[in-house]
N, C-alpha and C. Protein backbone atom coordinates (compact mmCIF):
# COMPACT_ATOMS: atom_id res chain seq x y z
N MET A 1 -70.43 42.79 22.33
CA MET A 1 -69.47 41.93 23.01
C MET A 1 -69.21 40.66 22.19
N GLN A 2 -70.26 40.00 21.74
CA GLN A 2 -70.14 38.77 20.95
C GLN A 2 -69.39 39.05 19.64
N ALA A 3 -69.71 40.18 18.98
CA ALA A 3 -69.05 40.54 17.72
C ALA A 3 -67.56 40.78 17.95
N GLU A 4 -67.21 41.40 19.08
CA GLU A 4 -65.80 41.65 19.39
C GLU A 4 -65.05 40.34 19.59
N LEU A 5 -65.69 39.37 20.23
CA LEU A 5 -65.06 38.07 20.45
C LEU A 5 -64.84 37.34 19.13
N ILE A 6 -65.81 37.41 18.25
CA ILE A 6 -65.68 36.77 16.94
C ILE A 6 -64.55 37.43 16.14
N GLU A 7 -64.51 38.76 16.18
CA GLU A 7 -63.47 39.50 15.47
C GLU A 7 -62.08 39.16 16.02
N MET A 8 -61.95 39.07 17.35
CA MET A 8 -60.68 38.72 17.97
C MET A 8 -60.26 37.31 17.60
N ASN A 9 -61.22 36.38 17.58
CA ASN A 9 -60.93 35.01 17.22
C ASN A 9 -60.44 34.92 15.77
N GLU A 10 -61.07 35.66 14.87
CA GLU A 10 -60.65 35.67 13.46
C GLU A 10 -59.24 36.23 13.34
N PHE A 11 -58.94 37.31 14.08
CA PHE A 11 -57.61 37.90 14.06
C PHE A 11 -56.58 36.89 14.53
N LEU A 12 -56.86 36.19 15.63
CA LEU A 12 -55.92 35.21 16.16
C LEU A 12 -55.71 34.06 15.19
N GLU A 13 -56.75 33.65 14.49
CA GLU A 13 -56.62 32.58 13.50
C GLU A 13 -55.73 33.03 12.35
N ILE A 14 -55.91 34.27 11.89
CA ILE A 14 -55.07 34.80 10.80
C ILE A 14 -53.62 34.91 11.28
N GLU A 15 -53.42 35.43 12.49
CA GLU A 15 -52.07 35.56 13.03
C GLU A 15 -51.39 34.19 13.14
N GLU A 16 -52.12 33.21 13.62
CA GLU A 16 -51.58 31.86 13.75
C GLU A 16 -51.20 31.29 12.39
N GLU A 17 -52.03 31.54 11.38
CA GLU A 17 -51.74 31.04 10.04
C GLU A 17 -50.54 31.75 9.43
N VAL A 18 -50.40 33.05 9.68
CA VAL A 18 -49.23 33.79 9.20
C VAL A 18 -47.96 33.19 9.81
N LEU A 19 -47.97 32.94 11.11
CA LEU A 19 -46.79 32.35 11.76
C LEU A 19 -46.51 30.95 11.23
N ARG A 20 -47.57 30.20 10.97
CA ARG A 20 -47.40 28.85 10.40
C ARG A 20 -46.74 28.94 9.03
N MET A 21 -47.16 29.91 8.23
CA MET A 21 -46.57 30.08 6.89
C MET A 21 -45.11 30.52 6.98
N LEU A 22 -44.79 31.39 7.95
CA LEU A 22 -43.40 31.81 8.11
C LEU A 22 -42.50 30.62 8.43
N LYS A 23 -43.05 29.63 9.10
CA LYS A 23 -42.27 28.45 9.45
C LYS A 23 -42.07 27.51 8.26
N THR A 24 -42.62 27.88 7.08
CA THR A 24 -42.39 27.08 5.87
C THR A 24 -41.37 27.76 4.96
N VAL A 25 -40.82 28.90 5.40
CA VAL A 25 -39.83 29.64 4.61
C VAL A 25 -38.44 29.31 5.14
N PHE A 26 -37.58 28.85 4.24
CA PHE A 26 -36.23 28.44 4.64
C PHE A 26 -35.18 29.24 3.90
N ASP A 27 -34.09 29.52 4.58
CA ASP A 27 -32.89 30.02 3.92
C ASP A 27 -32.34 28.81 3.18
N PRO A 28 -32.13 28.89 1.86
CA PRO A 28 -31.68 27.71 1.10
C PRO A 28 -30.36 27.12 1.59
N GLU A 29 -29.57 27.91 2.32
CA GLU A 29 -28.28 27.43 2.79
C GLU A 29 -28.33 26.83 4.19
N ILE A 30 -29.48 27.00 4.89
CA ILE A 30 -29.60 26.54 6.27
C ILE A 30 -30.89 25.73 6.40
N PRO A 31 -30.82 24.52 6.92
CA PRO A 31 -32.02 23.67 6.98
C PRO A 31 -32.97 23.97 8.14
N VAL A 32 -33.16 25.27 8.45
CA VAL A 32 -34.05 25.69 9.53
C VAL A 32 -34.88 26.86 9.00
N ASN A 33 -36.15 26.91 9.38
CA ASN A 33 -37.01 27.98 8.87
C ASN A 33 -36.63 29.34 9.47
N VAL A 34 -37.04 30.41 8.77
CA VAL A 34 -36.64 31.77 9.16
C VAL A 34 -37.19 32.18 10.52
N TYR A 35 -38.34 31.62 10.90
CA TYR A 35 -38.93 31.96 12.19
C TYR A 35 -38.08 31.39 13.33
N ASP A 36 -37.75 30.11 13.23
CA ASP A 36 -36.95 29.47 14.28
C ASP A 36 -35.50 29.94 14.27
N LEU A 37 -35.04 30.44 13.11
CA LEU A 37 -33.69 31.02 13.07
C LEU A 37 -33.64 32.34 13.83
N GLY A 38 -34.79 32.92 14.12
CA GLY A 38 -34.83 34.20 14.82
C GLY A 38 -34.69 35.39 13.88
N LEU A 39 -34.96 35.16 12.60
CA LEU A 39 -34.83 36.24 11.62
C LEU A 39 -36.06 37.16 11.59
N ILE A 40 -37.17 36.71 12.14
CA ILE A 40 -38.39 37.50 12.16
C ILE A 40 -38.42 38.33 13.44
N TYR A 41 -38.35 39.65 13.29
CA TYR A 41 -38.34 40.55 14.44
C TYR A 41 -39.73 41.02 14.82
N GLY A 42 -40.65 41.06 13.85
CA GLY A 42 -41.98 41.53 14.16
C GLY A 42 -42.99 41.20 13.09
N VAL A 43 -44.22 40.91 13.50
CA VAL A 43 -45.34 40.67 12.59
C VAL A 43 -46.50 41.52 13.09
N ASP A 44 -46.91 42.47 12.27
CA ASP A 44 -48.03 43.34 12.63
C ASP A 44 -49.12 43.16 11.59
N ILE A 45 -50.31 42.83 12.05
CA ILE A 45 -51.45 42.65 11.16
C ILE A 45 -52.45 43.75 11.47
N ASP A 46 -52.82 44.48 10.43
CA ASP A 46 -53.79 45.56 10.56
C ASP A 46 -54.82 45.35 9.46
N GLY A 47 -55.95 44.78 9.83
CA GLY A 47 -56.97 44.46 8.83
C GLY A 47 -56.44 43.38 7.91
N SER A 48 -56.39 43.68 6.62
CA SER A 48 -55.90 42.69 5.65
C SER A 48 -54.44 42.93 5.28
N LYS A 49 -53.77 43.84 5.99
CA LYS A 49 -52.37 44.15 5.71
C LYS A 49 -51.47 43.50 6.75
N CYS A 50 -50.38 42.92 6.28
CA CYS A 50 -49.41 42.29 7.18
C CYS A 50 -48.05 42.95 6.94
N HIS A 51 -47.46 43.46 8.01
CA HIS A 51 -46.14 44.08 7.94
C HIS A 51 -45.18 43.22 8.74
N ILE A 52 -44.14 42.76 8.07
CA ILE A 52 -43.15 41.89 8.70
C ILE A 52 -41.80 42.61 8.73
N THR A 53 -41.20 42.64 9.91
CA THR A 53 -39.85 43.18 10.06
C THR A 53 -38.94 42.00 10.31
N MET A 54 -37.88 41.92 9.53
CA MET A 54 -36.99 40.77 9.64
C MET A 54 -35.56 41.18 9.36
N THR A 55 -34.66 40.25 9.55
CA THR A 55 -33.26 40.46 9.23
C THR A 55 -32.77 39.25 8.45
N LEU A 56 -31.51 39.27 8.12
CA LEU A 56 -30.86 38.13 7.47
C LEU A 56 -29.66 37.73 8.33
N THR A 57 -29.15 36.54 8.11
CA THR A 57 -28.02 36.10 8.93
C THR A 57 -26.78 36.95 8.68
N ALA A 58 -26.72 37.57 7.49
CA ALA A 58 -25.62 38.48 7.14
C ALA A 58 -26.14 39.49 6.13
N PRO A 59 -25.66 40.74 6.19
CA PRO A 59 -26.14 41.75 5.24
C PRO A 59 -25.93 41.37 3.78
N SER A 60 -24.92 40.59 3.50
CA SER A 60 -24.62 40.19 2.12
C SER A 60 -25.22 38.84 1.75
N CYS A 61 -26.20 38.38 2.50
CA CYS A 61 -26.82 37.08 2.26
C CYS A 61 -27.31 36.98 0.81
N PRO A 62 -26.75 36.05 0.02
CA PRO A 62 -27.15 35.95 -1.39
C PRO A 62 -28.59 35.48 -1.58
N ALA A 63 -29.17 34.88 -0.57
CA ALA A 63 -30.54 34.37 -0.69
C ALA A 63 -31.58 35.37 -0.17
N GLY A 64 -31.15 36.57 0.21
CA GLY A 64 -32.05 37.55 0.80
C GLY A 64 -33.29 37.84 -0.03
N ASP A 65 -33.11 38.14 -1.32
CA ASP A 65 -34.25 38.45 -2.18
C ASP A 65 -35.19 37.26 -2.30
N PHE A 66 -34.62 36.07 -2.42
CA PHE A 66 -35.42 34.85 -2.52
C PHE A 66 -36.26 34.66 -1.26
N ILE A 67 -35.66 34.85 -0.10
CA ILE A 67 -36.35 34.66 1.18
C ILE A 67 -37.50 35.67 1.31
N VAL A 68 -37.23 36.93 1.01
CA VAL A 68 -38.25 37.97 1.11
C VAL A 68 -39.42 37.67 0.18
N GLU A 69 -39.13 37.28 -1.05
CA GLU A 69 -40.21 36.97 -2.00
C GLU A 69 -41.00 35.74 -1.57
N ASP A 70 -40.31 34.75 -1.01
CA ASP A 70 -41.00 33.55 -0.51
C ASP A 70 -41.95 33.92 0.62
N ILE A 71 -41.51 34.80 1.50
CA ILE A 71 -42.37 35.28 2.60
C ILE A 71 -43.58 36.00 2.03
N ARG A 72 -43.36 36.90 1.08
CA ARG A 72 -44.48 37.64 0.49
C ARG A 72 -45.52 36.69 -0.10
N GLN A 73 -45.06 35.72 -0.85
CA GLN A 73 -45.98 34.79 -1.51
C GLN A 73 -46.73 33.93 -0.50
N LYS A 74 -46.01 33.36 0.44
CA LYS A 74 -46.65 32.44 1.38
C LYS A 74 -47.58 33.16 2.36
N VAL A 75 -47.14 34.27 2.92
CA VAL A 75 -48.00 35.02 3.84
C VAL A 75 -49.17 35.63 3.06
N GLY A 76 -48.92 36.04 1.83
CA GLY A 76 -49.98 36.59 0.99
C GLY A 76 -51.05 35.57 0.63
N SER A 77 -50.74 34.28 0.77
CA SER A 77 -51.71 33.23 0.47
C SER A 77 -52.67 32.97 1.64
N VAL A 78 -52.39 33.58 2.78
CA VAL A 78 -53.25 33.39 3.96
C VAL A 78 -54.58 34.10 3.73
N GLU A 79 -55.66 33.38 3.96
CA GLU A 79 -56.99 33.97 3.81
C GLU A 79 -57.15 35.13 4.78
N GLY A 80 -57.55 36.29 4.24
CA GLY A 80 -57.70 37.48 5.06
C GLY A 80 -56.55 38.45 4.92
N ILE A 81 -55.45 38.02 4.29
CA ILE A 81 -54.30 38.89 4.06
C ILE A 81 -54.25 39.25 2.58
N ASP A 82 -54.32 40.55 2.29
CA ASP A 82 -54.30 41.02 0.90
C ASP A 82 -53.01 41.74 0.54
N ASP A 83 -52.28 42.21 1.54
CA ASP A 83 -51.08 43.00 1.28
C ASP A 83 -50.01 42.61 2.28
N VAL A 84 -48.81 42.29 1.78
CA VAL A 84 -47.70 41.91 2.65
C VAL A 84 -46.53 42.85 2.38
N GLN A 85 -46.07 43.51 3.41
CA GLN A 85 -44.89 44.36 3.32
C GLN A 85 -43.80 43.72 4.18
N VAL A 86 -42.61 43.56 3.60
CA VAL A 86 -41.49 42.98 4.33
C VAL A 86 -40.37 44.00 4.37
N ASP A 87 -39.99 44.40 5.57
CA ASP A 87 -38.86 45.31 5.75
C ASP A 87 -37.69 44.53 6.32
N VAL A 88 -36.55 44.61 5.63
CA VAL A 88 -35.33 43.94 6.09
C VAL A 88 -34.49 44.99 6.81
N VAL A 89 -34.17 44.70 8.06
CA VAL A 89 -33.36 45.60 8.88
C VAL A 89 -32.12 44.85 9.38
N PHE A 90 -31.13 45.59 9.80
CA PHE A 90 -29.91 44.96 10.31
C PHE A 90 -29.56 45.42 11.72
N GLU A 91 -30.52 46.04 12.38
CA GLU A 91 -30.38 46.39 13.78
C GLU A 91 -31.64 45.97 14.50
N PRO A 92 -31.59 45.20 15.53
CA PRO A 92 -30.34 44.66 16.08
C PRO A 92 -29.74 43.61 15.16
N GLU A 93 -28.45 43.49 15.23
CA GLU A 93 -27.73 42.52 14.42
C GLU A 93 -28.11 41.11 14.88
N TRP A 94 -28.34 40.22 13.90
CA TRP A 94 -28.72 38.85 14.21
C TRP A 94 -27.53 38.10 14.81
N THR A 95 -27.81 37.29 15.84
CA THR A 95 -26.80 36.40 16.42
C THR A 95 -27.41 35.02 16.61
N LYS A 96 -26.59 34.04 16.82
CA LYS A 96 -27.06 32.66 17.04
C LYS A 96 -27.96 32.56 18.28
N ASP A 97 -27.81 33.48 19.21
CA ASP A 97 -28.63 33.46 20.43
C ASP A 97 -30.11 33.70 20.13
N MET A 98 -30.43 34.24 18.95
CA MET A 98 -31.82 34.53 18.58
C MET A 98 -32.57 33.30 18.08
N MET A 99 -31.83 32.23 17.85
CA MET A 99 -32.46 31.00 17.34
C MET A 99 -33.26 30.31 18.44
N SER A 100 -34.30 29.60 18.03
CA SER A 100 -35.07 28.80 18.97
C SER A 100 -34.21 27.61 19.42
N GLU A 101 -34.63 26.99 20.51
CA GLU A 101 -33.91 25.81 21.00
C GLU A 101 -33.90 24.72 19.93
N GLU A 102 -35.02 24.56 19.21
CA GLU A 102 -35.12 23.54 18.16
C GLU A 102 -34.10 23.81 17.06
N ALA A 103 -33.95 25.08 16.68
CA ALA A 103 -33.00 25.44 15.62
C ALA A 103 -31.56 25.16 16.08
N LYS A 104 -31.27 25.54 17.32
CA LYS A 104 -29.92 25.28 17.85
C LYS A 104 -29.62 23.80 17.87
N LEU A 105 -30.60 23.01 18.26
CA LEU A 105 -30.43 21.56 18.29
C LEU A 105 -30.21 21.01 16.88
N GLU A 106 -31.04 21.47 15.93
CA GLU A 106 -30.95 21.02 14.53
C GLU A 106 -29.59 21.33 13.93
N LEU A 107 -29.03 22.50 14.29
CA LEU A 107 -27.76 22.92 13.73
C LEU A 107 -26.56 22.51 14.56
N GLY A 108 -26.81 21.77 15.64
CA GLY A 108 -25.70 21.26 16.45
C GLY A 108 -25.09 22.26 17.41
N PHE A 109 -25.84 23.29 17.79
CA PHE A 109 -25.32 24.27 18.74
C PHE A 109 -25.64 23.93 20.19
N LEU A 110 -26.38 22.84 20.42
CA LEU A 110 -26.68 22.41 21.79
C LEU A 110 -26.05 21.06 22.06
């Protein structure tokens, strides 16, 4: 029981750090991080592997490769994460409604 609690606590700490790192990744054209923009659809951590499902604001986003590589590097720097896979999907299609309240406020949508 005690070992399970310690393991769960370590998992939650890693997950929290991964989310914190995602909030340091910005689309160079938009002054809001990818997490608050609503571009991150899923984060799955399995042991030392992290699988991120995300989208871009538009399929032809010129910064897409830069954003994906920035995510790989930053999430890969989290202690306990050895492998980062990022899948870019376009369904569901991203809309402004997916942004956090903070992002909408920052961009003048509120």
